[in-house]
Amino acid sequence: MRITKVIVFFILGLCGCVGVDYIDDPIVGASITISHTGTVALMPDETLQLQATYYDEYGFEAPAALTWTTSNADVATVSQSGLVTAIGKGQANVLASFGTAEALVAINVVLSADDVATVQLNLAPFSLDIDQQIDISDNVTVKTSTASCWTAGWWSGFLKTLPLPPSAHRVW
């Protein structure tokens, strides 16, 4: 009889170890990741299926009924399954959210594959001290490729040089 009680208590003790232990897990805050990051270029009537994953406050992947929204429905729409449809030229942010967690993807709709979709300026440091000089380079992305074609020099907040190669063409 005594051995039976020991076995029963042992089995009950093992049952108490089943499940996720949240007591010692660090709280990192809920978050969402989206399959595409940064800026995506689309042309009118093109679609893009976004996938999003929700992580709970402990950093564990968890099921969630995400809400998808767009900042500009004249540029791009998004369904509740994350399907983005390009409508007209311009920029829109597509946002996936659940509770306080959210993530976004920038959508640039261009009218042709040769239109500039994004311009990214690469600079460091972010601020200038008096008499400090930095170089700024760019990456211009059209729908299908990226090119770097100019460098601007800045000195104490004033434009110093802006050399453009003869083949460069910019529309600002």
Protein backbone atom coordinates (compact mmCIF):
# COMPACT_ATOMS: atom_id res chain seq x y z
CA MET A 1 0.00 0.00 0.00
CA ARG A 2 2.80 2.34 0.88
CA ILE A 3 4.52 1.79 -2.48
CA THR A 4 1.23 2.57 -4.25
CA LYS A 5 1.00 5.95 -2.48
CA VAL A 6 4.58 6.78 -3.48
CA ILE A 7 3.87 5.88 -7.11
CA VAL A 8 0.65 7.96 -7.14
CA PHE A 9 2.43 11.01 -5.68
CA PHE A 10 5.28 10.55 -8.15
CA ILE A 11 2.88 10.43 -11.11
CA LEU A 12 0.98 13.48 -9.82
CA GLY A 13 4.28 15.32 -9.44
CA LEU A 14 5.18 14.58 -13.05
CA CYS A 15 1.80 15.91 -14.22
CA GLY A 16 2.61 19.23 -12.57
CA CYS A 17 5.65 19.61 -14.85
CA VAL A 18 3.63 19.62 -18.08
CA GLY A 19 3.16 22.98 -19.81
CA VAL A 20 5.03 26.22 -20.33
CA ASP A 21 6.73 27.82 -17.35
CA TYR A 22 6.28 31.61 -17.57
CA ILE A 23 7.70 32.45 -14.14
CA ASP A 24 11.36 32.79 -15.13
CA ASP A 25 10.87 33.77 -18.78
CA PRO A 26 11.97 37.31 -19.63
CA ILE A 27 9.25 39.69 -20.75
CA VAL A 28 10.31 41.13 -24.11
CA GLY A 29 7.03 42.63 -25.27
CA ALA A 30 4.68 41.42 -27.95
CA SER A 31 5.84 41.87 -31.55
CA ILE A 32 4.97 41.05 -35.14
CA THR A 33 7.29 40.23 -38.03
CA ILE A 34 6.25 40.53 -41.67
CA SER A 35 7.68 38.46 -44.53
CA HIS A 36 8.76 41.60 -46.43
CA THR A 37 10.65 44.44 -44.78
CA GLY A 38 11.57 47.93 -45.87
CA THR A 39 9.99 49.20 -49.07
CA VAL A 40 8.37 47.11 -51.80
CA ALA A 41 7.81 48.46 -55.32
CA LEU A 42 4.70 47.38 -57.21
CA MET A 43 2.96 48.47 -60.42
CA PRO A 44 -0.83 49.01 -60.65
CA ASP A 45 -2.84 45.76 -60.45
CA GLU A 46 0.14 43.81 -59.10
CA THR A 47 -0.42 41.87 -55.89
CA LEU A 48 1.84 40.84 -53.05
CA GLN A 49 0.97 38.25 -50.40
CA LEU A 50 2.35 39.27 -47.02
CA GLN A 51 2.79 36.78 -44.19
CA ALA A 52 2.97 37.92 -40.58
CA THR A 53 3.91 36.13 -37.38
CA TYR A 54 2.84 37.27 -33.91
CA TYR A 55 5.11 36.77 -30.89
CA ASP A 56 3.68 37.10 -27.38
CA GLU A 57 5.21 39.12 -24.54
CA TYR A 58 7.62 36.26 -23.80
CA GLY A 59 8.86 36.06 -27.39
CA PHE A 60 7.01 32.84 -28.21
CA GLU A 61 5.20 32.48 -31.53
CA ALA A 62 1.48 32.52 -30.80
CA PRO A 63 -1.75 32.44 -32.80
CA ALA A 64 -3.38 35.85 -33.30
CA ALA A 65 -6.16 37.34 -35.41
CA LEU A 66 -4.11 40.08 -37.07
CA THR A 67 -5.73 43.23 -38.42
CA TRP A 68 -4.34 44.49 -41.74
CA THR A 69 -4.76 48.17 -42.69
CA THR A 70 -3.39 50.57 -45.30
CA SER A 71 -2.52 54.22 -44.88
CA ASN A 72 -3.65 55.14 -48.40
CA ALA A 73 -6.30 53.03 -50.15
CA ASP A 74 -5.89 55.11 -53.34
CA VAL A 75 -2.37 53.67 -53.65
CA ALA A 76 -2.67 50.13 -52.23
CA THR A 77 -5.33 48.03 -50.55
CA VAL A 78 -4.83 45.07 -48.24
CA SER A 79 -7.17 42.19 -47.41
CA GLN A 80 -7.47 40.66 -43.95
CA SER A 81 -5.35 37.75 -45.23
CA GLY A 82 -2.46 40.16 -46.03
CA LEU A 83 -2.92 40.31 -49.81
CA VAL A 84 -1.76 43.74 -51.03
CA THR A 85 -3.10 45.08 -54.34
CA ALA A 86 -1.44 48.08 -56.00
CA ILE A 87 -4.04 50.63 -57.17
CA GLY A 88 -2.39 53.90 -58.24
CA LYS A 89 0.93 55.74 -58.18
CA GLY A 90 2.15 56.84 -54.76
CA GLN A 91 3.15 55.56 -51.35
CA ALA A 92 1.24 53.66 -48.68
CA ASN A 93 2.12 51.86 -45.48
CA VAL A 94 0.56 48.44 -44.88
CA LEU A 95 0.23 47.70 -41.18
CA ALA A 96 -0.31 44.37 -39.41
CA SER A 97 -1.46 44.76 -35.81
CA PHE A 98 -2.69 42.78 -32.83
CA GLY A 99 -3.18 44.42 -29.45
CA THR A 100 -0.25 46.77 -28.91
CA ALA A 101 2.04 44.96 -31.37
CA GLU A 102 2.39 46.19 -34.94
CA ALA A 103 4.69 46.02 -37.95
CA LEU A 104 4.57 47.75 -41.31
CA VAL A 105 5.78 47.49 -44.87
CA ALA A 106 6.11 50.54 -47.12
CA ILE A 107 4.54 50.10 -50.56
CA ASN A 108 5.61 52.33 -53.46
CA VAL A 109 3.44 52.02 -56.54
CA VAL A 110 5.21 53.07 -59.74
CA LEU A 111 3.71 53.32 -63.23
CA SER A 112 6.58 51.60 -65.08
CA ALA A 113 9.52 49.36 -64.26
CA ASP A 114 11.86 52.30 -65.01
CA ASP A 115 10.30 54.68 -62.46
CA VAL A 116 12.30 55.39 -59.32
CA ALA A 117 10.74 53.36 -56.52
CA THR A 118 12.99 54.38 -53.62
CA VAL A 119 15.93 56.62 -52.87
CA GLN A 120 18.00 55.62 -49.86
CA LEU A 121 20.63 58.02 -48.55
CA ASN A 122 23.54 56.40 -46.76
CA LEU A 123 25.26 58.67 -44.29
CA ALA A 124 27.25 58.44 -41.10
CA PRO A 125 27.44 60.12 -38.67
CA PHE A 126 23.83 61.25 -38.47
CA SER A 127 24.70 64.75 -37.21
CA LEU A 128 27.51 67.18 -38.01
CA ASP A 129 29.75 69.13 -35.70
CA ILE A 130 31.14 72.52 -36.73
CA ASP A 131 33.78 72.11 -39.45
CA GLN A 132 33.02 68.40 -39.80
CA GLN A 133 32.58 66.92 -43.28
CA ILE A 134 30.68 63.79 -44.30
CA ASP A 135 29.91 62.11 -47.58
CA ILE A 136 26.42 61.03 -48.52
CA SER A 137 25.87 58.32 -51.11
CA ASP A 138 22.62 57.06 -52.52
CA ASN A 139 21.00 53.88 -53.72
CA VAL A 140 18.27 54.51 -56.26
CA THR A 141 15.95 51.56 -56.74
CA VAL A 142 13.80 51.17 -59.79
CA LYS A 143 11.33 48.30 -59.86
CA THR A 144 13.91 45.76 -60.99
CA SER A 145 17.37 46.97 -59.93
CA THR A 146 19.46 49.25 -57.73
CA ALA A 147 22.02 51.81 -58.90
CA SER A 148 24.33 54.21 -57.13
CA CYS A 149 25.22 57.19 -59.26
CA TRP A 150 26.13 60.23 -57.17
CA THR A 151 27.82 61.39 -54.02
CA ALA A 152 27.12 64.68 -52.27
CA GLY A 153 29.56 66.24 -49.85
CA TRP A 154 28.23 68.30 -46.95
CA TRP A 155 30.20 70.58 -44.68
CA SER A 156 28.69 72.10 -41.52
CA GLY A 157 25.18 71.83 -42.98
CA PHE A 158 25.91 73.54 -46.31
CA LEU A 159 26.17 71.83 -49.68
CA LYS A 160 29.83 71.73 -50.69
CA THR A 161 29.89 69.55 -53.80
CA LEU A 162 27.41 67.64 -55.88
CA PRO A 163 29.32 65.91 -58.66
CA LEU A 164 27.07 64.11 -61.12
CA PRO A 165 28.41 61.86 -63.85
CA PRO A 166 27.34 62.92 -67.38
CA SER A 167 25.07 59.87 -67.65
CA ALA A 168 23.19 60.70 -64.44
CA HIS A 169 19.66 61.96 -64.73
CA ARG A 170 17.69 62.96 -61.65
CA VAL A 171 14.18 64.26 -61.32
CA TRP A 172 13.40 65.77 -57.92
